[in-house]
């Protein structure tokens, strides 16, 4: 899938994720394809769990995020 089309397809999910967790995740931080990312993003929102619960985070990206 074209990168722009993919980003447009997950825009509403990113907004919902940000409402719950306070930040928008980035696909480049996870070891997965676009379909797997979108499915995990939807599941994370439904179950109100961090995306890292469903996808493997690249090791250099494992950073504890501060809540504001």
N, C-alpha and C. Protein backbone atom coordinates (compact mmCIF):
# COMPACT_ATOMS: atom_id res chain seq x y z
N UNK A 1 0.85 -1.18 0.00
CA UNK A 1 0.00 0.00 0.00
C UNK A 1 0.90 1.24 0.00
N UNK A 2 0.52 2.22 -0.75
CA UNK A 2 1.24 3.48 -0.78
C UNK A 2 1.28 4.09 0.61
N UNK A 3 2.42 4.69 0.96
CA UNK A 3 2.62 5.24 2.31
C UNK A 3 1.57 6.30 2.66
N UNK A 4 1.26 7.17 1.72
CA UNK A 4 0.27 8.23 1.98
C UNK A 4 -1.13 7.64 2.20
N UNK A 5 -1.49 6.67 1.39
CA UNK A 5 -2.79 6.03 1.54
C UNK A 5 -2.87 5.33 2.89
N UNK A 6 -1.78 4.64 3.27
CA UNK A 6 -1.75 3.97 4.57
C UNK A 6 -1.93 4.97 5.71
N UNK A 7 -1.17 6.06 5.68
CA UNK A 7 -1.28 7.07 6.75
C UNK A 7 -2.67 7.68 6.81
N UNK A 8 -3.29 7.90 5.67
CA UNK A 8 -4.67 8.41 5.66
C UNK A 8 -5.64 7.38 6.24
N UNK A 9 -5.36 6.09 5.99
CA UNK A 9 -6.27 5.04 6.46
C UNK A 9 -6.23 4.85 7.98
N UNK A 10 -5.14 5.28 8.63
CA UNK A 10 -5.05 5.10 10.09
C UNK A 10 -5.21 6.42 10.85
N UNK A 11 -5.49 7.48 10.15
CA UNK A 11 -5.59 8.80 10.77
C UNK A 11 -6.58 8.83 11.93
N UNK A 12 -7.78 8.30 11.74
CA UNK A 12 -8.78 8.33 12.81
C UNK A 12 -8.35 7.46 13.99
N UNK A 13 -7.66 6.35 13.70
CA UNK A 13 -7.16 5.49 14.78
C UNK A 13 -6.09 6.22 15.59
N UNK A 14 -5.23 6.96 14.90
CA UNK A 14 -4.20 7.73 15.60
C UNK A 14 -4.81 8.76 16.55
N UNK A 15 -5.88 9.40 16.11
CA UNK A 15 -6.56 10.40 16.94
C UNK A 15 -7.13 9.73 18.19
N UNK A 16 -7.77 8.58 18.02
CA UNK A 16 -8.34 7.86 19.16
C UNK A 16 -7.23 7.38 20.10
N UNK A 17 -6.14 6.88 19.54
CA UNK A 17 -5.02 6.40 20.36
C UNK A 17 -4.45 7.54 21.18
N UNK A 18 -4.31 8.70 20.56
CA UNK A 18 -3.77 9.86 21.27
C UNK A 18 -4.68 10.28 22.42
N UNK A 19 -5.99 10.19 22.23
CA UNK A 19 -6.93 10.53 23.31
C UNK A 19 -6.73 9.62 24.52
N UNK A 20 -6.40 8.36 24.26
CA UNK A 20 -6.24 7.39 25.34
C UNK A 20 -4.85 7.48 25.98
N UNK A 21 -3.80 7.53 25.17
CA UNK A 21 -2.43 7.40 25.67
C UNK A 21 -1.60 8.68 25.64
N UNK A 22 -2.10 9.72 24.98
CA UNK A 22 -1.40 10.99 25.00
C UNK A 22 -0.31 11.17 23.94
N UNK A 23 -0.16 10.20 23.05
CA UNK A 23 0.82 10.32 21.96
C UNK A 23 0.35 9.48 20.78
N UNK A 24 0.92 9.76 19.62
CA UNK A 24 0.59 8.99 18.42
C UNK A 24 1.78 8.07 18.13
N UNK A 25 1.52 6.76 18.05
CA UNK A 25 2.61 5.83 17.76
C UNK A 25 3.05 5.93 16.30
N UNK A 26 4.23 5.42 16.00
CA UNK A 26 4.80 5.48 14.65
C UNK A 26 5.14 4.08 14.18
N UNK A 27 4.70 3.70 13.01
CA UNK A 27 4.94 2.36 12.49
C UNK A 27 6.43 2.03 12.40
N UNK A 28 7.26 3.03 12.17
CA UNK A 28 8.69 2.80 12.04
C UNK A 28 9.33 2.29 13.33
N UNK A 29 8.63 2.41 14.45
CA UNK A 29 9.16 1.95 15.73
C UNK A 29 8.84 0.49 16.01
N UNK A 30 8.09 -0.15 15.11
CA UNK A 30 7.65 -1.52 15.33
C UNK A 30 8.09 -2.43 14.18
N UNK A 31 8.32 -3.67 14.51
CA UNK A 31 8.72 -4.67 13.52
C UNK A 31 7.47 -5.36 12.98
N UNK A 32 6.86 -4.74 11.96
CA UNK A 32 5.63 -5.29 11.39
C UNK A 32 5.33 -4.65 10.05
N UNK A 33 4.36 -5.22 9.36
CA UNK A 33 3.88 -4.65 8.11
C UNK A 33 2.70 -3.72 8.38
N UNK A 34 2.23 -3.07 7.33
CA UNK A 34 1.14 -2.10 7.47
C UNK A 34 -0.16 -2.73 7.96
N UNK A 35 -0.54 -3.88 7.42
CA UNK A 35 -1.79 -4.52 7.85
C UNK A 35 -1.72 -4.96 9.30
N UNK A 36 -0.60 -5.55 9.69
CA UNK A 36 -0.43 -5.98 11.08
C UNK A 36 -0.48 -4.77 12.02
N UNK A 37 0.16 -3.67 11.60
CA UNK A 37 0.17 -2.45 12.41
C UNK A 37 -1.25 -1.90 12.59
N UNK A 38 -1.99 -1.81 11.50
CA UNK A 38 -3.36 -1.27 11.57
C UNK A 38 -4.24 -2.15 12.46
N UNK A 39 -4.14 -3.46 12.31
CA UNK A 39 -4.94 -4.38 13.14
C UNK A 39 -4.57 -4.25 14.61
N UNK A 40 -3.28 -4.14 14.91
CA UNK A 40 -2.84 -3.99 16.30
C UNK A 40 -3.28 -2.65 16.86
N UNK A 41 -3.24 -1.61 16.05
CA UNK A 41 -3.67 -0.28 16.48
C UNK A 41 -5.16 -0.30 16.85
N UNK A 42 -5.96 -0.93 16.02
CA UNK A 42 -7.39 -1.02 16.30
C UNK A 42 -7.63 -1.82 17.59
N UNK A 43 -6.91 -2.90 17.75
CA UNK A 43 -7.06 -3.73 18.96
C UNK A 43 -6.61 -2.98 20.21
N UNK A 44 -5.51 -2.24 20.09
CA UNK A 44 -5.00 -1.46 21.23
C UNK A 44 -6.04 -0.44 21.69
N UNK A 45 -6.70 0.18 20.75
CA UNK A 45 -7.74 1.17 21.08
C UNK A 45 -8.93 0.48 21.73
N UNK A 46 -9.38 -0.62 21.15
CA UNK A 46 -10.54 -1.34 21.69
C UNK A 46 -10.28 -1.84 23.11
N UNK A 47 -9.08 -2.36 23.34
CA UNK A 47 -8.77 -2.95 24.64
C UNK A 47 -8.06 -1.98 25.59
N UNK A 48 -7.81 -0.76 25.08
CA UNK A 48 -7.14 0.29 25.86
C UNK A 48 -5.82 -0.20 26.46
N UNK A 49 -5.00 -0.79 25.58
CA UNK A 49 -3.66 -1.25 25.95
C UNK A 49 -2.67 -0.63 24.99
N UNK A 50 -1.45 -0.42 25.46
CA UNK A 50 -0.39 0.15 24.62
C UNK A 50 -0.16 -0.74 23.40
N UNK A 51 0.21 -0.12 22.30
CA UNK A 51 0.46 -0.84 21.06
C UNK A 51 1.58 -1.87 21.23
N UNK A 52 2.52 -1.58 22.10
CA UNK A 52 3.63 -2.50 22.34
C UNK A 52 3.18 -3.82 22.96
N UNK A 53 1.94 -3.90 23.42
CA UNK A 53 1.39 -5.16 23.92
C UNK A 53 1.13 -6.14 22.77
N UNK A 54 1.00 -5.62 21.55
CA UNK A 54 0.63 -6.44 20.41
C UNK A 54 1.71 -6.55 19.35
N UNK A 55 2.66 -5.62 19.34
CA UNK A 55 3.71 -5.60 18.34
C UNK A 55 5.09 -5.55 19.00
N UNK A 56 6.09 -6.04 18.29
CA UNK A 56 7.45 -5.99 18.78
C UNK A 56 8.04 -4.62 18.50
N UNK A 57 8.51 -3.98 19.55
CA UNK A 57 9.13 -2.67 19.43
C UNK A 57 10.60 -2.88 19.09
N UNK A 58 11.12 -2.09 18.14
CA UNK A 58 12.55 -2.15 17.89
C UNK A 58 13.28 -1.80 19.17
N UNK A 59 14.31 -2.54 19.49
CA UNK A 59 15.00 -2.43 20.76
C UNK A 59 15.43 -1.01 21.11
N UNK A 60 15.91 -0.25 20.15
CA UNK A 60 16.36 1.11 20.43
C UNK A 60 15.21 2.07 20.75
N UNK A 61 13.98 1.62 20.52
CA UNK A 61 12.82 2.47 20.75
C UNK A 61 12.15 2.23 22.10
N UNK A 62 12.63 1.27 22.87
CA UNK A 62 12.01 0.96 24.14
C UNK A 62 12.37 2.05 25.14
N UNK A 63 11.45 2.96 25.31
CA UNK A 63 11.63 4.11 26.19
C UNK A 63 10.35 4.28 26.98
N UNK A 64 10.47 4.48 28.26
CA UNK A 64 9.29 4.71 29.09
C UNK A 64 8.75 6.11 28.78
N UNK A 65 7.50 6.21 28.40
CA UNK A 65 6.90 7.49 28.07
C UNK A 65 6.31 8.11 29.32
N UNK A 66 6.49 9.42 29.46
CA UNK A 66 5.92 10.14 30.61
C UNK A 66 4.51 10.55 30.29
N UNK A 67 3.65 10.41 31.26
CA UNK A 67 2.26 10.88 31.11
C UNK A 67 2.23 12.35 31.47
N UNK A 68 1.46 13.10 30.73
CA UNK A 68 1.34 14.53 31.01
C UNK A 68 0.13 14.80 31.82
